[in-house]
Amino acid sequence: MKKYILLKQLITYGMVGVVTTLLKLITLYVLRDVFQIVTFVSLSVSYLVAVIIHFIANNYLTFKKNRKKLQE
């Protein structure tokens, strides 16, 4: 049972990572190529967005069991 939970967390963590990476690339493309913002600023903003989304997604999707334990 414990191995199943760890495997599920690993798969979810990987999927969150892939989605976050795609979101970062899309954000970078939109800021740099569509809005023509300087590359340095576009990279910084896209990185910040990716870190925030990655943290929130992992907090609510990947490690939700651990959050329940902390609330008890």
PDB file of N, CA and C in Angstrom:
ATOM      1  N   MET A   1       0.826  -1.200   0.000  1.00  0.00           N
ATOM      2  CA  MET A   1       0.000   0.000   0.000  1.00  0.00           C
ATOM      3  C   MET A   1       0.868   1.261   0.000  1.00  0.00           C
ATOM      4  N   LYS A   2       1.920   1.227   0.826  1.00  0.00           N
ATOM      5  CA  LYS A   2       2.793   2.395   0.920  1.00  0.00           C
ATOM      6  C   LYS A   2       3.540   2.624  -0.400  1.00  0.00           C
ATOM      7  N   LYS A   3       3.939   1.528  -1.070  1.00  0.00           N
ATOM      8  CA  LYS A   3       4.623   1.656  -2.356  1.00  0.00           C
ATOM      9  C   LYS A   3       3.702   2.269  -3.402  1.00  0.00           C
ATOM     10  N   TYR A   4       2.421   1.903  -3.356  1.00  0.00           N
ATOM     11  CA  TYR A   4       1.445   2.458  -4.289  1.00  0.00           C
ATOM     12  C   TYR A   4       1.316   3.967  -4.090  1.00  0.00           C
ATOM     13  N   ILE A   5       1.261   4.403  -2.856  1.00  0.00           N
ATOM     14  CA  ILE A   5       1.132   5.837  -2.556  1.00  0.00           C
ATOM     15  C   ILE A   5       2.370   6.592  -3.028  1.00  0.00           C
ATOM     16  N   LEU A   6       3.551   6.034  -2.776  1.00  0.00           N
ATOM     17  CA  LEU A   6       4.788   6.688  -3.208  1.00  0.00           C
ATOM     18  C   LEU A   6       4.884   6.740  -4.729  1.00  0.00           C
ATOM     19  N   LEU A   7       4.465   5.667  -5.399  1.00  0.00           N
ATOM     20  CA  LEU A   7       4.481   5.656  -6.857  1.00  0.00           C
ATOM     21  C   LEU A   7       3.503   6.691  -7.417  1.00  0.00           C
ATOM     22  N   LYS A   8       2.334   6.781  -6.807  1.00  0.00           N
ATOM     23  CA  LYS A   8       1.343   7.767  -7.236  1.00  0.00           C
ATOM     24  C   LYS A   8       1.885   9.185  -7.052  1.00  0.00           C
ATOM     25  N   GLN A   9       2.547   9.434  -5.922  1.00  0.00           N
ATOM     26  CA  GLN A   9       3.146  10.753  -5.689  1.00  0.00           C
ATOM     27  C   GLN A   9       4.231  11.055  -6.706  1.00  0.00           C
ATOM     28  N   LEU A  10       5.040  10.065  -7.034  1.00  0.00           N
ATOM     29  CA  LEU A  10       6.115  10.254  -8.005  1.00  0.00           C
ATOM     30  C   LEU A  10       5.557  10.586  -9.386  1.00  0.00           C
ATOM     31  N   ILE A  11       4.524   9.866  -9.793  1.00  0.00           N
ATOM     32  CA  ILE A  11       3.910  10.123 -11.099  1.00  0.00           C
ATOM     33  C   ILE A  11       3.266  11.506 -11.117  1.00  0.00           C
ATOM     34  N   THR A  12       2.556  11.844 -10.046  1.00  0.00           N
ATOM     35  CA  THR A  12       1.913  13.157  -9.968  1.00  0.00           C
ATOM     36  C   THR A  12       2.955  14.262  -9.977  1.00  0.00           C
ATOM     37  N   TYR A  13       4.048  14.083  -9.242  1.00  0.00           N
ATOM     38  CA  TYR A  13       5.118  15.071  -9.200  1.00  0.00           C
ATOM     39  C   TYR A  13       5.711  15.286 -10.594  1.00  0.00           C
ATOM     40  N   GLY A  14       5.903  14.197 -11.326  1.00  0.00           N
ATOM     41  CA  GLY A  14       6.431  14.296 -12.684  1.00  0.00           C
ATOM     42  C   GLY A  14       5.476  15.008 -13.627  1.00  0.00           C
ATOM     43  N   MET A  15       4.191  14.695 -13.501  1.00  0.00           N
ATOM     44  CA  MET A  15       3.203  15.351 -14.359  1.00  0.00           C
ATOM     45  C   MET A  15       3.115  16.841 -14.039  1.00  0.00           C
ATOM     46  N   VAL A  16       3.170  17.188 -12.775  1.00  0.00           N
ATOM     47  CA  VAL A  16       3.161  18.605 -12.396  1.00  0.00           C
ATOM     48  C   VAL A  16       4.387  19.296 -12.965  1.00  0.00           C
ATOM     49  N   GLY A  17       5.527  18.635 -12.934  1.00  0.00           N
ATOM     50  CA  GLY A  17       6.752  19.204 -13.490  1.00  0.00           C
ATOM     51  C   GLY A  17       6.664  19.445 -14.986  1.00  0.00           C
ATOM     52  N   VAL A  18       6.094  18.505 -15.709  1.00  0.00           N
ATOM     53  CA  VAL A  18       5.948  18.658 -17.161  1.00  0.00           C
ATOM     54  C   VAL A  18       5.002  19.808 -17.487  1.00  0.00           C
ATOM     55  N   VAL A  19       3.857  19.854 -16.800  1.00  0.00           N
ATOM     56  CA  VAL A  19       2.887  20.923 -17.042  1.00  0.00           C
ATOM     57  C   VAL A  19       3.487  22.281 -16.685  1.00  0.00           C
ATOM     58  N   THR A  20       4.229  22.343 -15.592  1.00  0.00           N
ATOM     59  CA  THR A  20       4.856  23.599 -15.192  1.00  0.00           C
ATOM     60  C   THR A  20       5.896  24.048 -16.213  1.00  0.00           C
ATOM     61  N   THR A  21       6.666  23.109 -16.743  1.00  0.00           N
ATOM     62  CA  THR A  21       7.654  23.443 -17.763  1.00  0.00           C
ATOM     63  C   THR A  21       6.985  23.987 -19.017  1.00  0.00           C
ATOM     64  N   LEU A  22       5.905  23.342 -19.440  1.00  0.00           N
ATOM     65  CA  LEU A  22       5.167  23.838 -20.611  1.00  0.00           C
ATOM     66  C   LEU A  22       4.588  25.228 -20.347  1.00  0.00           C
ATOM     67  N   LEU A  23       4.062  25.438 -19.156  1.00  0.00           N
ATOM     68  CA  LEU A  23       3.530  26.749 -18.791  1.00  0.00           C
ATOM     69  C   LEU A  23       4.625  27.814 -18.812  1.00  0.00           C
ATOM     70  N   LYS A  24       5.810  27.460 -18.327  1.00  0.00           N
ATOM     71  CA  LYS A  24       6.935  28.401 -18.339  1.00  0.00           C
ATOM     72  C   LYS A  24       7.324  28.772 -19.768  1.00  0.00           C
ATOM     73  N   LEU A  25       7.388  27.776 -20.647  1.00  0.00           N
ATOM     74  CA  LEU A  25       7.756  28.040 -22.036  1.00  0.00           C
ATOM     75  C   LEU A  25       6.700  28.875 -22.753  1.00  0.00           C
ATOM     76  N   ILE A  26       5.442  28.582 -22.489  1.00  0.00           N
ATOM     77  CA  ILE A  26       4.365  29.368 -23.098  1.00  0.00           C
ATOM     78  C   ILE A  26       4.398  30.805 -22.603  1.00  0.00           C
ATOM     79  N   THR A  27       4.591  30.970 -21.287  1.00  0.00           N
ATOM     80  CA  THR A  27       4.679  32.322 -20.715  1.00  0.00           C
ATOM     81  C   THR A  27       5.848  33.083 -21.312  1.00  0.00           C
ATOM     82  N   LEU A  28       6.986  32.425 -21.445  1.00  0.00           N
ATOM     83  CA  LEU A  28       8.160  33.063 -22.035  1.00  0.00           C
ATOM     84  C   LEU A  28       7.883  33.475 -23.479  1.00  0.00           C
ATOM     85  N   TYR A  29       7.288  32.585 -24.254  1.00  0.00           N
ATOM     86  CA  TYR A  29       6.978  32.897 -25.647  1.00  0.00           C
ATOM     87  C   TYR A  29       6.027  34.094 -25.747  1.00  0.00           C
ATOM     88  N   VAL A  30       4.965  34.083 -24.957  1.00  0.00           N
ATOM     89  CA  VAL A  30       3.982  35.168 -25.020  1.00  0.00           C
ATOM     90  C   VAL A  30       4.612  36.499 -24.630  1.00  0.00           C
ATOM     91  N   LEU A  31       5.375  36.503 -23.540  1.00  0.00           N
ATOM     92  CA  LEU A  31       5.974  37.765 -23.079  1.00  0.00           C
ATOM     93  C   LEU A  31       7.028  38.287 -24.059  1.00  0.00           C
ATOM     94  N   ARG A  32       7.868  37.369 -24.567  1.00  0.00           N
ATOM     95  CA  ARG A  32       8.976  37.805 -25.415  1.00  0.00           C
ATOM     96  C   ARG A  32       8.566  38.055 -26.859  1.00  0.00           C
ATOM     97  N   ASP A  33       7.801  37.154 -27.426  1.00  0.00           N
ATOM     98  CA  ASP A  33       7.504  37.248 -28.855  1.00  0.00           C
ATOM     99  C   ASP A  33       6.209  37.995 -29.174  1.00  0.00           C
ATOM    100  N   VAL A  34       5.207  37.843 -28.328  1.00  0.00           N
ATOM    101  CA  VAL A  34       3.933  38.510 -28.601  1.00  0.00           C
ATOM    102  C   VAL A  34       3.956  39.950 -28.089  1.00  0.00           C
ATOM    103  N   PHE A  35       4.344  40.108 -26.816  1.00  0.00           N
ATOM    104  CA  PHE A  35       4.364  41.449 -26.223  1.00  0.00           C
ATOM    105  C   PHE A  35       5.706  42.163 -26.407  1.00  0.00           C
ATOM    106  N   GLN A  36       6.691  41.464 -26.950  1.00  0.00           N
ATOM    107  CA  GLN A  36       8.023  41.995 -27.237  1.00  0.00           C
ATOM    108  C   GLN A  36       8.680  42.647 -26.013  1.00  0.00           C
ATOM    109  N   ILE A  37       8.595  41.949 -24.904  1.00  0.00           N
ATOM    110  CA  ILE A  37       9.265  42.386 -23.677  1.00  0.00           C
ATOM    111  C   ILE A  37      10.699  41.850 -23.725  1.00  0.00           C
ATOM    112  N   VAL A  38      11.623  42.575 -23.138  1.00  0.00           N
ATOM    113  CA  VAL A  38      13.042  42.201 -23.126  1.00  0.00           C
ATOM    114  C   VAL A  38      13.194  40.768 -22.594  1.00  0.00           C
ATOM    115  N   THR A  39      14.113  40.022 -23.176  1.00  0.00           N
ATOM    116  CA  THR A  39      14.292  38.606 -22.838  1.00  0.00           C
ATOM    117  C   THR A  39      14.576  38.402 -21.358  1.00  0.00           C
ATOM    118  N   PHE A  40      15.419  39.236 -20.765  1.00  0.00           N
ATOM    119  CA  PHE A  40      15.760  39.090 -19.348  1.00  0.00           C
ATOM    120  C   PHE A  40      14.517  39.198 -18.476  1.00  0.00           C
ATOM    121  N   VAL A  41      13.672  40.165 -18.749  1.00  0.00           N
ATOM    122  CA  VAL A  41      12.447  40.356 -17.970  1.00  0.00           C
ATOM    123  C   VAL A  41      11.482  39.202 -18.234  1.00  0.00           C
ATOM    124  N   SER A  42      11.362  38.791 -19.481  1.00  0.00           N
ATOM    125  CA  SER A  42      10.470  37.679 -19.824  1.00  0.00           C
ATOM    126  C   SER A  42      10.896  36.389 -19.126  1.00  0.00           C
ATOM    127  N   LEU A  43      12.188  36.112 -19.117  1.00  0.00           N
ATOM    128  CA  LEU A  43      12.695  34.932 -18.425  1.00  0.00           C
ATOM    129  C   LEU A  43      12.426  34.996 -16.928  1.00  0.00           C
ATOM    130  N   SER A  44      12.655  36.163 -16.344  1.00  0.00           N
ATOM    131  CA  SER A  44      12.439  36.326 -14.903  1.00  0.00           C
ATOM    132  C   SER A  44      10.978  36.122 -14.539  1.00  0.00           C
ATOM    133  N   VAL A  45      10.091  36.727 -15.294  1.00  0.00           N
ATOM    134  CA  VAL A  45       8.660  36.600 -15.001  1.00  0.00           C
ATOM    135  C   VAL A  45       8.179  35.162 -15.226  1.00  0.00           C
ATOM    136  N   SER A  46       8.596  34.548 -16.315  1.00  0.00           N
ATOM    137  CA  SER A  46       8.164  33.177 -16.583  1.00  0.00           C
ATOM    138  C   SER A  46       8.698  32.214 -15.525  1.00  0.00           C
ATOM    139  N   TYR A  47       9.909  32.428 -15.065  1.00  0.00           N
ATOM    140  CA  TYR A  47      10.473  31.598 -13.998  1.00  0.00           C
ATOM    141  C   TYR A  47       9.681  31.777 -12.708  1.00  0.00           C
ATOM    142  N   LEU A  48       9.367  33.007 -12.365  1.00  0.00           N
ATOM    143  CA  LEU A  48       8.602  33.283 -11.147  1.00  0.00           C
ATOM    144  C   LEU A  48       7.217  32.649 -11.216  1.00  0.00           C
ATOM    145  N   VAL A  49       6.561  32.758 -12.360  1.00  0.00           N
ATOM    146  CA  VAL A  49       5.243  32.141 -12.544  1.00  0.00           C
ATOM    147  C   VAL A  49       5.356  30.623 -12.395  1.00  0.00           C
ATOM    148  N   ALA A  50       6.370  30.033 -12.989  1.00  0.00           N
ATOM    149  CA  ALA A  50       6.546  28.582 -12.927  1.00  0.00           C
ATOM    150  C   ALA A  50       6.792  28.108 -11.497  1.00  0.00           C
ATOM    151  N   VAL A  51       7.604  28.821 -10.744  1.00  0.00           N
ATOM    152  CA  VAL A  51       7.890  28.425  -9.364  1.00  0.00           C
ATOM    153  C   VAL A  51       6.623  28.485  -8.518  1.00  0.00           C
ATOM    154  N   ILE A  52       5.852  29.539  -8.671  1.00  0.00           N
ATOM    155  CA  ILE A  52       4.628  29.695  -7.888  1.00  0.00           C
ATOM    156  C   ILE A  52       3.614  28.607  -8.249  1.00  0.00           C
ATOM    157  N   ILE A  53       3.411  28.366  -9.544  1.00  0.00           N
ATOM    158  CA  ILE A  53       2.469  27.339  -9.977  1.00  0.00           C
ATOM    159  C   ILE A  53       2.935  25.951  -9.537  1.00  0.00           C
ATOM    160  N   HIS A  54       4.222  25.686  -9.636  1.00  0.00           N
ATOM    161  CA  HIS A  54       4.765  24.391  -9.226  1.00  0.00           C
ATOM    162  C   HIS A  54       4.545  24.160  -7.735  1.00  0.00           C
ATOM    163  N   PHE A  55       4.778  25.170  -6.925  1.00  0.00           N
ATOM    164  CA  PHE A  55       4.576  25.045  -5.482  1.00  0.00           C
ATOM    165  C   PHE A  55       3.106  24.782  -5.154  1.00  0.00           C
ATOM    166  N   ILE A  56       2.217  25.571  -5.746  1.00  0.00           N
ATOM    167  CA  ILE A  56       0.790  25.421  -5.461  1.00  0.00           C
ATOM    168  C   ILE A  56       0.279  24.058  -5.937  1.00  0.00           C
ATOM    169  N   ALA A  57       0.660  23.659  -7.148  1.00  0.00           N
ATOM    170  CA  ALA A  57       0.195  22.382  -7.696  1.00  0.00           C
ATOM    171  C   ALA A  57       0.700  21.201  -6.873  1.00  0.00           C
ATOM    172  N   ASN A  58       1.960  21.230  -6.490  1.00  0.00           N
ATOM    173  CA  ASN A  58       2.481  20.133  -5.672  1.00  0.00           C
ATOM    174  C   ASN A  58       1.853  20.128  -4.287  1.00  0.00           C
ATOM    175  N   ASN A  59       1.587  21.302  -3.755  1.00  0.00           N
ATOM    176  CA  ASN A  59       0.974  21.378  -2.435  1.00  0.00           C
ATOM    177  C   ASN A  59      -0.425  20.765  -2.443  1.00  0.00           C
ATOM    178  N   TYR A  60      -1.198  21.017  -3.484  1.00  0.00           N
ATOM    179  CA  TYR A  60      -2.574  20.544  -3.524  1.00  0.00           C
ATOM    180  C   TYR A  60      -2.757  19.193  -4.196  1.00  0.00           C
ATOM    181  N   LEU A  61      -1.883  18.822  -5.112  1.00  0.00           N
ATOM    182  CA  LEU A  61      -2.063  17.572  -5.843  1.00  0.00           C
ATOM    183  C   LEU A  61      -1.147  16.452  -5.349  1.00  0.00           C
ATOM    184  N   THR A  62       0.130  16.741  -5.218  1.00  0.00           N
ATOM    185  CA  THR A  62       1.091  15.690  -4.917  1.00  0.00           C
ATOM    186  C   THR A  62       1.137  15.342  -3.439  1.00  0.00           C
ATOM    187  N   PHE A  63       1.185  16.332  -2.594  1.00  0.00           N
ATOM    188  CA  PHE A  63       1.410  16.090  -1.167  1.00  0.00           C
ATOM    189  C   PHE A  63       0.178  16.359  -0.329  1.00  0.00           C
ATOM    190  N   LYS A  64      -1.015  16.112  -0.861  1.00  0.00           N
ATOM    191  CA  LYS A  64      -2.241  16.391  -0.126  1.00  0.00           C
ATOM    192  C   LYS A  64      -2.409  15.463   1.077  1.00  0.00           C
ATOM    193  N   LYS A  65      -1.887  14.249   1.007  1.00  0.00           N
ATOM    194  CA  LYS A  65      -1.988  13.337   2.146  1.00  0.00           C
ATOM    195  C   LYS A  65      -1.175  13.870   3.324  1.00  0.00           C
ATOM    196  N   ASN A  66       0.016  14.382   3.045  1.00  0.00           N
ATOM    197  CA  ASN A  66       0.852  14.930   4.102  1.00  0.00           C
ATOM    198  C   ASN A  66       0.208  16.156   4.740  1.00  0.00           C
ATOM    199  N   ARG A  67      -0.519  16.931   3.957  1.00  0.00           N
ATOM    200  CA  ARG A  67      -1.186  18.119   4.477  1.00  0.00           C
ATOM    201  C   ARG A  67      -2.273  17.723   5.458  1.00  0.00           C
ATOM    202  N   LYS A  68      -2.989  16.640   5.176  1.00  0.00           N
ATOM    203  CA  LYS A  68      -4.034  16.160   6.091  1.00  0.00           C
ATOM    204  C   LYS A  68      -3.435  15.727   7.421  1.00  0.00           C
ATOM    205  N   LYS A  69      -2.277  15.087   7.377  1.00  0.00           N
ATOM    206  CA  LYS A  69      -1.621  14.658   8.604  1.00  0.00           C
ATOM    207  C   LYS A  69      -1.213  15.852   9.455  1.00  0.00           C
ATOM    208  N   LEU A  70      -0.749  16.932   8.816  1.00  0.00           N
ATOM    209  CA  LEU A  70      -0.319  18.100   9.559  1.00  0.00           C
ATOM    210  C   LEU A  70      -1.476  18.824  10.223  1.00  0.00           C
ATOM    211  N   GLN A  71      -2.660  18.750   9.625  1.00  0.00           N
ATOM    212  CA  GLN A  71      -3.821  19.434  10.189  1.00  0.00           C
ATOM    213  C   GLN A  71      -4.380  18.708  11.395  1.00  0.00           C
ATOM    214  N   GLU A  72      -4.126  17.422  11.530  1.00  0.00           N
ATOM    215  CA  GLU A  72      -4.673  16.638  12.648  1.00  0.00           C
ATOM    216  C   GLU A  72      -3.973  16.883  13.928  1.00  0.00           C
TER     217      GLU A  72
END
